[in-house]
C-alpha atoms as a PDB file:
ATOM      1  CA  MET A   1      -1.905   1.575 -29.338  1.00  0.00           C
ATOM      2  CA  SER A   2      -4.541  -1.132 -29.061  1.00  0.00           C
ATOM      3  CA  TRP A   3      -7.090  -1.306 -26.257  1.00  0.00           C
ATOM      4  CA  ALA A   4      -5.269  -4.399 -24.952  1.00  0.00           C
ATOM      5  CA  THR A   5      -2.219  -2.201 -24.310  1.00  0.00           C
ATOM      6  CA  HIS A   6      -4.280  -0.293 -21.739  1.00  0.00           C
ATOM      7  CA  GLY A   7      -6.941  -2.818 -20.728  1.00  0.00           C
ATOM      8  CA  ALA A   8      -4.651  -5.731 -19.890  1.00  0.00           C
ATOM      9  CA  PRO A   9      -2.364  -3.813 -17.469  1.00  0.00           C
ATOM     10  CA  LEU A  10      -5.418  -2.119 -15.940  1.00  0.00           C
ATOM     11  CA  ILE A  11      -7.084  -5.477 -15.185  1.00  0.00           C
ATOM     12  CA  LEU A  12      -3.803  -6.963 -13.965  1.00  0.00           C
ATOM     13  CA  THR A  13      -3.206  -4.032 -11.609  1.00  0.00           C
ATOM     14  CA  LEU A  14      -6.723  -4.399 -10.210  1.00  0.00           C
ATOM     15  CA  ALA A  15      -6.204  -8.135  -9.712  1.00  0.00           C
ATOM     16  CA  LEU A  16      -2.850  -7.670  -7.981  1.00  0.00           C
ATOM     17  CA  TRP A  17      -4.262  -4.919  -5.726  1.00  0.00           C
ATOM     18  CA  TRP A  18      -7.241  -6.982  -4.604  1.00  0.00           C
ATOM     19  CA  GLY A  19      -5.532 -10.374  -4.618  1.00  0.00           C
ATOM     20  CA  SER A  20      -2.376  -9.414  -2.724  1.00  0.00           C
ATOM     21  CA  THR A  21      -4.454  -7.668  -0.055  1.00  0.00           C
ATOM     22  CA  ALA A  22      -6.733 -10.695   0.262  1.00  0.00           C
ATOM     23  CA  VAL A  23      -3.914 -13.239   0.517  1.00  0.00           C
ATOM     24  CA  ILE A  24      -1.941 -11.253   3.099  1.00  0.00           C
ATOM     25  CA  ALA A  25      -5.072 -10.543   5.176  1.00  0.00           C
ATOM     26  CA  ARG A  26      -5.985 -14.236   5.138  1.00  0.00           C
ATOM     27  CA  LEU A  27      -2.505 -15.355   6.212  1.00  0.00           C
ATOM     28  CA  ILE A  28      -2.331 -12.753   8.978  1.00  0.00           C
ATOM     29  CA  GLY A  29      -5.579 -14.198  10.355  1.00  0.00           C
ATOM     30  CA  HIS A  30      -3.799 -17.438  11.259  1.00  0.00           C
ATOM     31  CA  THR A  31      -2.337 -17.927  14.733  1.00  0.00           C
ATOM     32  CA  PRO A  32       0.955 -16.124  15.485  1.00  0.00           C
ATOM     33  CA  HIS A  33       2.958 -19.358  15.525  1.00  0.00           C
ATOM     34  CA  THR A  34       2.611 -19.364  11.717  1.00  0.00           C
ATOM     35  CA  TYR A  35       4.180 -15.901  11.407  1.00  0.00           C
ATOM     36  CA  PRO A  36       7.859 -16.985  11.233  1.00  0.00           C
ATOM     37  CA  ARG A  37       7.054 -19.137   8.205  1.00  0.00           C
ATOM     38  CA  LEU A  38       5.000 -16.322   6.701  1.00  0.00           C
ATOM     39  CA  LEU A  39       7.839 -13.840   7.229  1.00  0.00           C
ATOM     40  CA  LEU A  40      10.313 -16.203   5.594  1.00  0.00           C
ATOM     41  CA  LEU A  41       8.007 -16.715   2.607  1.00  0.00           C
ATOM     42  CA  ALA A  42       7.363 -12.981   2.280  1.00  0.00           C
ATOM     43  CA  THR A  43      11.100 -12.267   2.473  1.00  0.00           C
ATOM     44  CA  LEU A  44      11.818 -14.762  -0.295  1.00  0.00           C
ATOM     45  CA  PHE A  45       9.095 -13.223  -2.475  1.00  0.00           C
ATOM     46  CA  GLY A  46      10.361  -9.730  -1.695  1.00  0.00           C
ATOM     47  CA  PHE A  47      13.939 -10.641  -2.584  1.00  0.00           C
ATOM     48  CA  ALA A  48      12.759 -12.306  -5.789  1.00  0.00           C
ATOM     49  CA  GLY A  49      10.781  -9.155  -6.594  1.00  0.00           C
ATOM     50  CA  LEU A  50      13.882  -7.026  -6.055  1.00  0.00           C
ATOM     51  CA  LEU A  51      15.902  -9.249  -8.375  1.00  0.00           C
ATOM     52  CA  LEU A  52      13.125  -9.028 -10.973  1.00  0.00           C
ATOM     53  CA  LEU A  53      12.931  -5.248 -10.993  1.00  0.00           C
ATOM     54  CA  VAL A  54      16.728  -4.975 -11.112  1.00  0.00           C
ATOM     55  CA  GLY A  55      16.890  -7.464 -13.972  1.00  0.00           C
ATOM     56  CA  LEU A  56      14.328  -5.477 -15.974  1.00  0.00           C
ATOM     57  CA  ARG A  57      15.735  -2.012 -15.290  1.00  0.00           C
ATOM     58  CA  ASP A  58      17.168  -1.620 -18.782  1.00  0.00           C
ATOM     59  CA  THR A  59      14.334  -3.318 -20.673  1.00  0.00           C
ATOM     60  CA  THR A  60      11.518  -1.201 -22.112  1.00  0.00           C
ATOM     61  CA  SER A  61       8.609  -3.266 -23.355  1.00  0.00           C
ATOM     62  CA  GLY A  62       5.044  -3.825 -22.245  1.00  0.00           C
ATOM     63  CA  ALA A  63       6.053  -7.129 -20.646  1.00  0.00           C
ATOM     64  CA  ALA A  64       8.942  -5.441 -18.807  1.00  0.00           C
ATOM     65  CA  ALA A  65       6.545  -2.857 -17.355  1.00  0.00           C
ATOM     66  CA  VAL A  66       4.258  -5.637 -16.118  1.00  0.00           C
ATOM     67  CA  GLY A  67       7.268  -7.434 -14.653  1.00  0.00           C
ATOM     68  CA  ALA A  68       8.333  -4.270 -12.851  1.00  0.00           C
ATOM     69  CA  LEU A  69       4.852  -3.968 -11.356  1.00  0.00           C
ATOM     70  CA  ILE A  70       4.928  -7.573 -10.128  1.00  0.00           C
ATOM     71  CA  GLY A  71       8.382  -7.056  -8.638  1.00  0.00           C
ATOM     72  CA  ALA A  72       7.309  -3.873  -6.856  1.00  0.00           C
ATOM     73  CA  ILE A  73       4.172  -5.549  -5.457  1.00  0.00           C
ATOM     74  CA  ALA A  74       6.306  -8.444  -4.153  1.00  0.00           C
ATOM     75  CA  VAL A  75       8.615  -5.988  -2.390  1.00  0.00           C
ATOM     76  CA  TRP A  76       5.675  -4.015  -0.981  1.00  0.00           C
ATOM     77  CA  GLY A  77       4.004  -7.232   0.155  1.00  0.00           C
ATOM     78  CA  TRP A  78       7.097  -8.032   2.226  1.00  0.00           C
ATOM     79  CA  ILE A  79       6.863  -4.569   3.798  1.00  0.00           C
ATOM     80  CA  GLU A  80       3.196  -5.153   4.647  1.00  0.00           C
ATOM     81  CA  VAL A  81       3.852  -8.560   6.196  1.00  0.00           C
ATOM     82  CA  THR A  82       6.607  -7.208   8.457  1.00  0.00           C
ATOM     83  CA  PHE A  83       4.109  -4.673   9.783  1.00  0.00           C
ATOM     84  CA  LEU A  84       0.986  -6.807  10.092  1.00  0.00           C
ATOM     85  CA  THR A  85       2.817  -9.603  11.899  1.00  0.00           C
ATOM     86  CA  GLY A  86       3.955  -6.983  14.403  1.00  0.00           C
ATOM     87  CA  LYS A  87       7.641  -7.694  13.787  1.00  0.00           C
ATOM     88  CA  VAL A  88       8.498  -4.198  12.532  1.00  0.00           C
ATOM     89  CA  THR A  89       6.236  -1.525  14.000  1.00  0.00           C
ATOM     90  CA  GLY A  90       7.388   0.586  16.929  1.00  0.00           C
ATOM     91  CA  PRO A  91       7.239   0.652  20.730  1.00  0.00           C
ATOM     92  CA  PRO A  92       3.667   0.245  22.054  1.00  0.00           C
ATOM     93  CA  PRO A  93       2.135   3.256  23.825  1.00  0.00           C
ATOM     94  CA  GLY A  94       2.499   3.419  27.578  1.00  0.00           C
ATOM     95  CA  HIS A  95      -1.073   4.600  28.087  1.00  0.00           C
ATOM     96  CA  SER A  96      -4.157   5.585  26.143  1.00  0.00           C
ATOM     97  CA  ALA A  97      -3.718   8.253  23.492  1.00  0.00           C
ATOM     98  CA  ASP A  98      -7.007   9.767  24.673  1.00  0.00           C
ATOM     99  CA  ASP A  99      -5.119  11.254  27.614  1.00  0.00           C
ATOM    100  CA  GLU A 100      -3.009  13.543  25.397  1.00  0.00           C
ATOM    101  CA  GLY A 101      -3.455  16.638  23.238  1.00  0.00           C
ATOM    102  CA  LEU A 102      -3.333  16.582  19.451  1.00  0.00           C
ATOM    103  CA  PHE A 103       0.397  17.160  18.969  1.00  0.00           C
ATOM    104  CA  TRP A 104       1.422  14.789  21.741  1.00  0.00           C
ATOM    105  CA  ARG A 105      -0.909  12.161  20.303  1.00  0.00           C
ATOM    106  CA  ALA A 106       0.611  12.722  16.853  1.00  0.00           C
ATOM    107  CA  GLY A 107       4.107  12.205  18.229  1.00  0.00           C
ATOM    108  CA  ARG A 108       3.123   9.019  20.012  1.00  0.00           C
ATOM    109  CA  ALA A 109       1.283   7.736  16.935  1.00  0.00           C
ATOM    110  CA  PHE A 110       4.372   8.251  14.775  1.00  0.00           C
ATOM    111  CA  THR A 111       6.578   6.589  17.384  1.00  0.00           C
ATOM    112  CA  ALA A 112       4.262   3.563  17.393  1.00  0.00           C
ATOM    113  CA  ILE A 113       5.007   2.946  13.691  1.00  0.00           C
ATOM    114  CA  LEU A 114       8.468   4.553  13.546  1.00  0.00           C
ATOM    115  CA  TRP A 115      10.520   1.433  12.784  1.00  0.00           C
ATOM    116  CA  HIS A 116       8.194   0.474   9.965  1.00  0.00           C
ATOM    117  CA  GLU A 117       8.372   3.944   8.432  1.00  0.00           C
ATOM    118  CA  ILE A 118      12.160   3.703   8.528  1.00  0.00           C
ATOM    119  CA  LEU A 119      11.977   0.288   6.855  1.00  0.00           C
ATOM    120  CA  ILE A 120       9.821   1.706   4.041  1.00  0.00           C
ATOM    121  CA  ALA A 121      12.210   4.629   3.540  1.00  0.00           C
ATOM    122  CA  LEU A 122      15.233   2.325   3.425  1.00  0.00           C
ATOM    123  CA  THR A 123      13.515  -0.053   0.998  1.00  0.00           C
ATOM    124  CA  VAL A 124      12.562   2.756  -1.370  1.00  0.00           C
ATOM    125  CA  ALA A 125      16.114   4.129  -1.087  1.00  0.00           C
ATOM    126  CA  VAL A 126      17.549   0.736  -2.083  1.00  0.00           C
ATOM    127  CA  ALA A 127      15.185   0.598  -5.057  1.00  0.00           C
ATOM    128  CA  ALA A 128      16.264   4.120  -6.024  1.00  0.00           C
ATOM    129  CA  VAL A 129      19.943   3.112  -5.959  1.00  0.00           C
ATOM    130  CA  PHE A 130      19.231   0.340  -8.474  1.00  0.00           C
ATOM    131  CA  LEU A 131      16.638   2.069 -10.651  1.00  0.00           C
ATOM    132  CA  LEU A 132      17.135   5.828 -10.625  1.00  0.00           C
ATOM    133  CA  GLY A 133      18.115   7.006 -14.082  1.00  0.00           C
ATOM    134  CA  ARG A 134      17.568   3.594 -15.714  1.00  0.00           C
ATOM    135  CA  GLU A 135      15.301   3.013 -18.693  1.00  0.00           C
ATOM    136  CA  ASN A 136      12.709   1.020 -16.752  1.00  0.00           C
ATOM    137  CA  ASP A 137      12.195   2.822 -13.443  1.00  0.00           C
ATOM    138  CA  LEU A 138       8.502   1.933 -13.159  1.00  0.00           C
ATOM    139  CA  ALA A 139       9.006  -0.178 -10.011  1.00  0.00           C
ATOM    140  CA  LEU A 140      10.486   2.832  -8.200  1.00  0.00           C
ATOM    141  CA  LEU A 141       7.521   4.991  -9.221  1.00  0.00           C
ATOM    142  CA  VAL A 142       5.128   2.264  -8.047  1.00  0.00           C
ATOM    143  CA  LEU A 143       6.836   2.048  -4.652  1.00  0.00           C
ATOM    144  CA  LEU A 144       6.822   5.831  -4.284  1.00  0.00           C
ATOM    145  CA  LEU A 145       3.124   5.987  -5.188  1.00  0.00           C
ATOM    146  CA  LEU A 146       2.256   3.182  -2.756  1.00  0.00           C
ATOM    147  CA  TRP A 147       4.239   4.967  -0.034  1.00  0.00           C
ATOM    148  CA  LEU A 148       2.488   8.261  -0.772  1.00  0.00           C
ATOM    149  CA  MET A 149      -1.011   6.775  -0.765  1.00  0.00           C
ATOM    150  CA  ARG A 150      -0.306   4.756   2.393  1.00  0.00           C
ATOM    151  CA  SER A 151       1.057   7.837   4.201  1.00  0.00           C
ATOM    152  CA  SER A 152      -2.035   9.808   3.185  1.00  0.00           C
ATOM    153  CA  ALA A 153      -4.285   7.017   4.459  1.00  0.00           C
ATOM    154  CA  LYS A 154      -2.484   6.956   7.813  1.00  0.00           C
ATOM    155  CA  LEU A 155      -2.828  10.720   8.228  1.00  0.00           C
ATOM    156  CA  ASN A 156      -6.528  10.602   7.397  1.00  0.00           C
ATOM    157  CA  LEU A 157      -7.088   7.771   9.874  1.00  0.00           C
ATOM    158  CA  PHE A 158      -5.315   9.823  12.522  1.00  0.00           C
ATOM    159  CA  LEU A 159      -7.387  12.941  11.805  1.00  0.00           C
ATOM    160  CA  GLY A 160     -10.623  10.957  11.726  1.00  0.00           C
ATOM    161  CA  VAL A 161     -12.789   9.132   9.180  1.00  0.00           C
ATOM    162  CA  ARG A 162     -16.064   7.234   9.172  1.00  0.00           C
ATOM    163  CA  ASN A 163     -14.531   3.758   8.618  1.00  0.00           C
ATOM    164  CA  LEU A 164     -11.292   2.893  10.417  1.00  0.00           C
ATOM    165  CA  GLY A 165     -11.028  -0.589   8.903  1.00  0.00           C
ATOM    166  CA  GLU A 166     -10.888  -2.241  12.321  1.00  0.00           C
ATOM    167  CA  GLY A 167     -11.353  -5.648  10.736  1.00  0.00           C
ATOM    168  CA  PHE A 168      -7.918  -5.479   9.111  1.00  0.00           C
ATOM    169  CA  PHE A 169      -6.092  -5.026  12.432  1.00  0.00           C
ATOM    170  CA  PRO A 170      -4.862  -8.258  14.049  1.00  0.00           C
ATOM    171  CA  PRO A 171      -5.122  -8.390  17.866  1.00  0.00           C
ATOM    172  CA  HIS A 172      -1.467  -7.452  18.437  1.00  0.00           C
ATOM    173  CA  LEU A 173      -1.911  -4.191  16.502  1.00  0.00           C
ATOM    174  CA  ARG A 174      -5.275  -3.067  17.822  1.00  0.00           C
ATOM    175  CA  HIS A 175      -3.575  -0.593  20.175  1.00  0.00           C
ATOM    176  CA  LEU A 176      -2.969   1.521  17.049  1.00  0.00           C
ATOM    177  CA  LEU A 177      -6.716   2.180  16.901  1.00  0.00           C
ATOM    178  CA  ASP A 178      -6.247   4.417  19.951  1.00  0.00           C
ATOM    179  CA  PHE A 179      -4.599   6.955  17.660  1.00  0.00           C
ATOM    180  CA  MET A 180      -7.506   7.016  15.183  1.00  0.00           C
ATOM    181  CA  ARG A 181     -10.789   8.864  15.386  1.00  0.00           C
ATOM    182  CA  HIS A 182     -14.337   8.271  14.108  1.00  0.00           C
ATOM    183  CA  ARG A 183     -15.397  11.375  12.188  1.00  0.00           C
ATOM    184  CA  ALA A 184     -17.530  11.930   9.120  1.00  0.00           C
ATOM    185  CA  MET A 185     -14.768  13.939   7.407  1.00  0.00           C
ATOM    186  CA  ASN A 186     -11.504  15.772   8.058  1.00  0.00           C
ATOM    187  CA  ALA A 187      -9.794  18.704   6.373  1.00  0.00           C
ATOM    188  CA  LEU A 188      -7.098  16.574   4.727  1.00  0.00           C
ATOM    189  CA  MET A 189      -9.450  14.142   2.976  1.00  0.00           C
ATOM    190  CA  PRO A 190     -10.563  16.476   0.129  1.00  0.00           C
ATOM    191  CA  ILE A 191      -6.907  17.317  -0.558  1.00  0.00           C
ATOM    192  CA  SER A 192      -5.995  13.616  -0.640  1.00  0.00           C
ATOM    193  CA  LEU A 193      -8.854  12.881  -3.034  1.00  0.00           C
ATOM    194  CA  LEU A 194      -7.953  15.774  -5.338  1.00  0.00           C
ATOM    195  CA  ALA A 195      -4.256  14.859  -5.338  1.00  0.00           C
ATOM    196  CA  GLY A 196      -4.987  11.202  -6.098  1.00  0.00           C
ATOM    197  CA  THR A 197      -7.397  12.157  -8.862  1.00  0.00           C
ATOM    198  CA  ALA A 198      -4.844  14.543 -10.386  1.00  0.00           C
ATOM    199  CA  ILE A 199      -2.183  11.822 -10.417  1.00  0.00           C
ATOM    200  CA  ALA A 200      -4.582   9.319 -11.955  1.00  0.00           C
ATOM    201  CA  TRP A 201      -5.623  11.865 -14.601  1.00  0.00           C
ATOM    202  CA  HIS A 202      -2.027  12.810 -15.413  1.00  0.00           C
ATOM    203  CA  PHE A 203      -0.898   9.242 -16.024  1.00  0.00           C
ATOM    204  CA  GLY A 204      -4.177   8.352 -17.722  1.00  0.00           C
ATOM    205  CA  VAL A 205      -3.655  11.107 -20.305  1.00  0.00           C
ATOM    206  CA  ALA A 206      -0.004  10.070 -20.668  1.00  0.00           C
ATOM    207  CA  SER A 207      -1.023   6.480 -21.371  1.00  0.00           C
ATOM    208  CA  LEU A 208      -3.352   7.534 -24.192  1.00  0.00           C
ATOM    209  CA  SER A 209      -0.680   9.654 -25.862  1.00  0.00           C
ATOM    210  CA  ALA A 210       2.251   7.274 -25.253  1.00  0.00           C
ATOM    211  CA  ALA A 211       4.666   6.632 -28.084  1.00  0.00           C
ATOM    212  CA  SER A 212       5.599   3.078 -27.086  1.00  0.00           C
ATOM    213  CA  ALA A 213       4.034   0.005 -25.547  1.00  0.00           C
ATOM    214  CA  TYR A 214       6.243   0.398 -22.468  1.00  0.00           C
ATOM    215  CA  GLU A 215       5.152   3.993 -21.858  1.00  0.00           C
ATOM    216  CA  ALA A 216       1.495   3.133 -22.401  1.00  0.00           C
ATOM    217  CA  THR A 217       1.622   0.135 -20.058  1.00  0.00           C
ATOM    218  CA  ALA A 218       3.612   1.939 -17.360  1.00  0.00           C
ATOM    219  CA  SER A 219       1.348   4.994 -17.405  1.00  0.00           C
ATOM    220  CA  THR A 220      -1.773   2.805 -17.305  1.00  0.00           C
ATOM    221  CA  ILE A 221      -0.419   0.964 -14.274  1.00  0.00           C
ATOM    222  CA  LEU A 222       0.357   4.197 -12.418  1.00  0.00           C
ATOM    223  CA  SER A 223      -3.002   5.735 -13.349  1.00  0.00           C
ATOM    224  CA  THR A 224      -4.838   2.642 -12.118  1.00  0.00           C
ATOM    225  CA  LEU A 225      -2.923   2.564  -8.831  1.00  0.00           C
ATOM    226  CA  ALA A 226      -3.687   6.242  -8.216  1.00  0.00           C
ATOM    227  CA  ALA A 227      -7.379   5.662  -8.992  1.00  0.00           C
ATOM    228  CA  LEU A 228      -7.391   2.747  -6.531  1.00  0.00           C
ATOM    229  CA  ALA A 229      -5.841   5.028  -3.920  1.00  0.00           C
ATOM    230  CA  VAL A 230      -8.717   7.460  -4.437  1.00  0.00           C
ATOM    231  CA  PHE A 231     -11.176   4.568  -4.092  1.00  0.00           C
ATOM    232  CA  GLU A 232      -9.531   3.411  -0.859  1.00  0.00           C
ATOM    233  CA  HIS A 233      -9.782   6.932   0.554  1.00  0.00           C
ATOM    234  CA  LEU A 234     -13.452   7.119  -0.426  1.00  0.00           C
ATOM    235  CA  LEU A 235     -14.080   3.881   1.458  1.00  0.00           C
ATOM    236  CA  MET A 236     -12.923   5.644   4.607  1.00  0.00           C
ATOM    237  CA  VAL A 237     -15.754   8.196   4.455  1.00  0.00           C
ATOM    238  CA  LEU A 238     -18.569   6.436   2.603  1.00  0.00           C
ATOM    239  CA  PRO A 239     -21.109   4.266   4.480  1.00  0.00           C
ATOM    240  CA  LEU A 240     -19.532   1.116   3.044  1.00  0.00           C
ATOM    241  CA  PRO A 241     -16.973  -0.755   5.195  1.00  0.00           C
ATOM    242  CA  ALA A 242     -13.860  -1.678   3.228  1.00  0.00           C
ATOM    243  CA  GLU A 243     -13.938  -5.108   4.887  1.00  0.00           C
ATOM    244  CA  THR A 244     -16.876  -5.977   2.617  1.00  0.00           C
ATOM    245  CA  LEU A 245     -14.535  -6.271  -0.368  1.00  0.00           C
ATOM    246  CA  TRP A 246     -12.314  -8.765   1.458  1.00  0.00           C
ATOM    247  CA  ARG A 247     -14.925 -10.633   3.515  1.00  0.00           C
ATOM    248  CA  TRP A 248     -13.509 -14.077   2.686  1.00  0.00           C
ATOM    249  CA  SER A 249      -9.943 -13.150   3.545  1.00  0.00           C
ATOM    250  CA  LEU A 250     -10.987 -11.722   6.922  1.00  0.00           C
ATOM    251  CA  ALA A 251     -13.236 -14.633   7.894  1.00  0.00           C
ATOM    252  CA  ASN A 252     -10.522 -16.276  10.009  1.00  0.00           C
ATOM    253  CA  ARG A 253      -9.578 -13.077  11.859  1.00  0.00           C
ATOM    254  CA  ARG A 254      -9.110 -13.706  15.566  1.00  0.00           C
ATOM    255  CA  ALA A 255     -10.746 -11.496  18.163  1.00  0.00           C
ATOM    256  CA  ALA A 256      -8.613  -9.351  20.442  1.00  0.00           C
ATOM    257  CA  PRO A 257      -7.935 -10.986  23.836  1.00  0.00           C
END
């Protein structure tokens, strides 16, 4: 396998990770009257992504692996937009989470995002129906990895980290910050970092020993995504706000009323 077999999908995955986050964050910063149009656009992209990953499910080539990644990112982008616009979240808390104990606060935090968690589960289930057991199931693995890393991030935010990423929360979602804590570290973070590193290492080794361009590209994509998950978790505890990486996209963020 040539270096381009690994380098090109690695760079593309990095670009999609940073670029999709930047574009969505920028669009969410607009006034809420733009959200219906944004939701419609995201839904169209998400549906197109679903069609793409279904159309490539029996094709095993480097290009098909890249296409599966793009399709999965389009579907995940739709999921993110439904949450960040506040259209699919959960019932808002009746009072401050500071008034409750740990387990009660955990229950209320999960309730506050319950509908969105159900939406993610249903979306991944739909992808599994189309892709499970097919030759090109990379999109399903990407969605599962994104779900895993996002769930880990939510748990770490709940338990407490140095950087909560307040700048990414639009005004209508800032009540979710009540469920998060400022702490230098929590007991789950080392486990999350080790698990993410192990996944990245596993797929990194698999990419170097792959027997085909598809396997090499798919494993490189998964290894890169896992490494980015580790990086995102590190940003929660290092003295470097994650907002710095997306300063331009957050420049139009409105203040909470």
